[in-house]
Protein backbone atom coordinates (compact mmCIF):
# COMPACT_ATOMS: atom_id res chain seq x y z
CA MET A 1 54.41 125.07 153.02
CA PRO A 2 51.91 122.20 153.87
CA LEU A 3 52.37 119.08 151.87
CA PHE A 4 49.52 117.52 149.75
CA ILE A 5 49.75 114.10 147.71
CA THR A 6 47.41 113.80 144.70
CA TYR A 7 46.37 110.27 143.22
CA ALA A 8 44.82 110.00 140.11
CA SER A 9 43.69 107.65 137.31
CA TYR A 10 43.69 108.53 133.55
CA SER A 11 41.02 108.29 131.28
CA HIS A 12 41.11 106.02 128.23
CA THR A 13 41.48 109.04 126.29
CA ALA A 14 44.61 110.32 128.16
CA ILE A 15 45.96 106.69 127.91
CA LYS A 16 45.48 106.47 124.24
CA GLY A 17 47.24 109.89 123.94
CA MET A 18 50.40 108.99 126.00
CA VAL A 19 50.75 105.54 123.65
CA SER A 20 50.28 107.57 120.52
CA GLU A 21 52.60 110.47 121.68
CA PRO A 22 54.77 109.58 124.66
CA THR A 23 56.04 112.46 126.56
CA ASP A 24 57.08 113.41 130.18
CA ARG A 25 54.54 115.69 131.52
CA THR A 26 56.75 116.71 134.53
CA ALA A 27 56.98 120.37 132.95
CA ALA A 28 53.17 120.62 132.45
CA ILE A 29 52.26 119.42 136.04
CA ASN A 30 54.73 121.79 137.53
CA SER A 31 53.45 124.77 135.49
CA LEU A 32 50.03 123.95 136.88
CA VAL A 33 50.97 123.46 140.57
CA GLU A 34 52.97 126.96 140.06
CA LYS A 35 50.20 128.66 138.92
CA ALA A 36 48.35 127.52 141.95
CA GLY A 37 51.02 129.15 143.78
CA GLY A 38 52.77 125.93 145.05
CA LYS A 39 55.79 123.85 144.44
CA LEU A 40 56.15 120.48 142.56
CA VAL A 41 57.98 118.12 145.13
CA ALA A 42 57.70 114.88 143.05
CA ALA A 43 55.61 113.25 140.33
CA TYR A 44 55.33 109.23 140.01
CA MET A 45 53.87 107.37 137.54
CA THR A 46 52.44 104.00 139.89
CA THR A 47 50.96 100.59 139.90
CA GLY A 48 47.75 99.67 141.33
CA SER A 49 44.84 101.66 141.91
CA ASN A 50 46.22 104.87 140.78
CA ASP A 51 48.31 105.81 137.79
CA ILE A 52 49.92 108.84 138.92
CA VAL A 53 50.78 110.31 142.27
CA ILE A 54 51.85 114.07 142.78
CA ILE A 55 53.38 115.58 145.79
CA THR A 56 53.09 119.30 146.13
CA GLU A 57 53.74 121.97 148.70
CA VAL A 58 51.03 124.61 148.39
CA ALA A 59 49.98 127.38 150.93
CA ASP A 60 46.21 126.24 151.29
CA GLY A 61 44.56 123.11 150.53
CA SER A 62 41.85 124.95 148.20
CA ASP A 63 45.22 125.82 145.97
CA ALA A 64 45.78 122.14 145.69
CA VAL A 65 42.15 121.15 145.24
CA ALA A 66 41.83 123.95 142.21
CA ALA A 67 44.93 122.60 140.62
CA GLY A 68 43.50 119.09 140.59
CA MET A 69 39.95 120.57 139.30
CA ALA A 70 41.72 122.35 136.50
CA ALA A 71 43.58 119.02 135.48
CA ALA A 72 40.33 116.96 135.75
CA ALA A 73 38.53 119.60 133.71
CA THR A 74 40.36 118.47 130.74
CA GLY A 75 39.07 115.10 130.91
CA ALA A 76 42.29 113.53 131.19
CA PHE A 77 41.26 111.61 134.59
CA THR A 78 38.68 109.21 135.85
CA LYS A 79 39.66 109.45 139.49
CA LEU A 80 41.58 112.40 141.30
CA GLU A 81 42.07 112.66 145.17
CA THR A 82 43.88 114.99 146.83
CA VAL A 83 45.00 114.52 150.67
CA ARG A 84 46.98 116.62 153.26
CA ALA A 85 50.29 115.10 154.32
CA TRP A 86 52.47 115.75 157.59
CA THR A 87 55.95 114.79 158.37
CA LEU A 88 56.03 112.30 161.30
CA PRO A 89 57.55 115.04 163.51
CA ASP A 90 54.79 117.53 162.54
CA PHE A 91 52.33 114.76 163.35
CA LYS A 92 53.55 114.19 166.79
CA GLY A 93 52.59 117.72 167.46
CA ILE A 94 49.29 116.82 166.50
CA GLN A 95 49.19 113.80 168.70
CA GLU A 96 50.43 115.92 171.70
CA LYS A 97 47.31 118.57 170.85
CA ALA A 98 44.82 115.67 171.13
CA THR A 99 46.32 114.57 174.35
CA ARG A 100 45.64 117.97 175.50
CA ILE A 101 42.36 118.73 174.29
CA GLY A 102 41.19 115.20 174.82
CA ALA A 103 41.68 115.41 178.63
CA GLY A 104 38.33 114.56 180.42
CA PHE A 105 36.23 113.76 176.97
CA LYS A 106 34.38 110.67 177.64
CA ALA A 107 32.79 108.29 175.10
CA PRO A 108 29.03 108.41 175.30
CA GLY A 109 27.67 105.66 177.91
CA THR A 110 31.03 105.68 180.05
């Protein structure tokens, strides 16, 4: 199944809730991903521009986006972004495909 990486930042309200009632959110995240037909690969709290990074396997990008929308609808996030990820060997195949389909393509003005 394709891999997706979701980056998110928590809202002030969510952070306030985490401080007042510390919890491990792995089970809640896993349940949401499973309802979307996927598998939770990993979830990490992070520093920097995102508070959490979630890696999932889902059959279709729309499933990953739907899970993110469901979570965002709670108001727990101020920012949420989901991107597709490829393993390096899989991406080599994409590069090879680009080589094949790009043969003979010329940039404008050349």
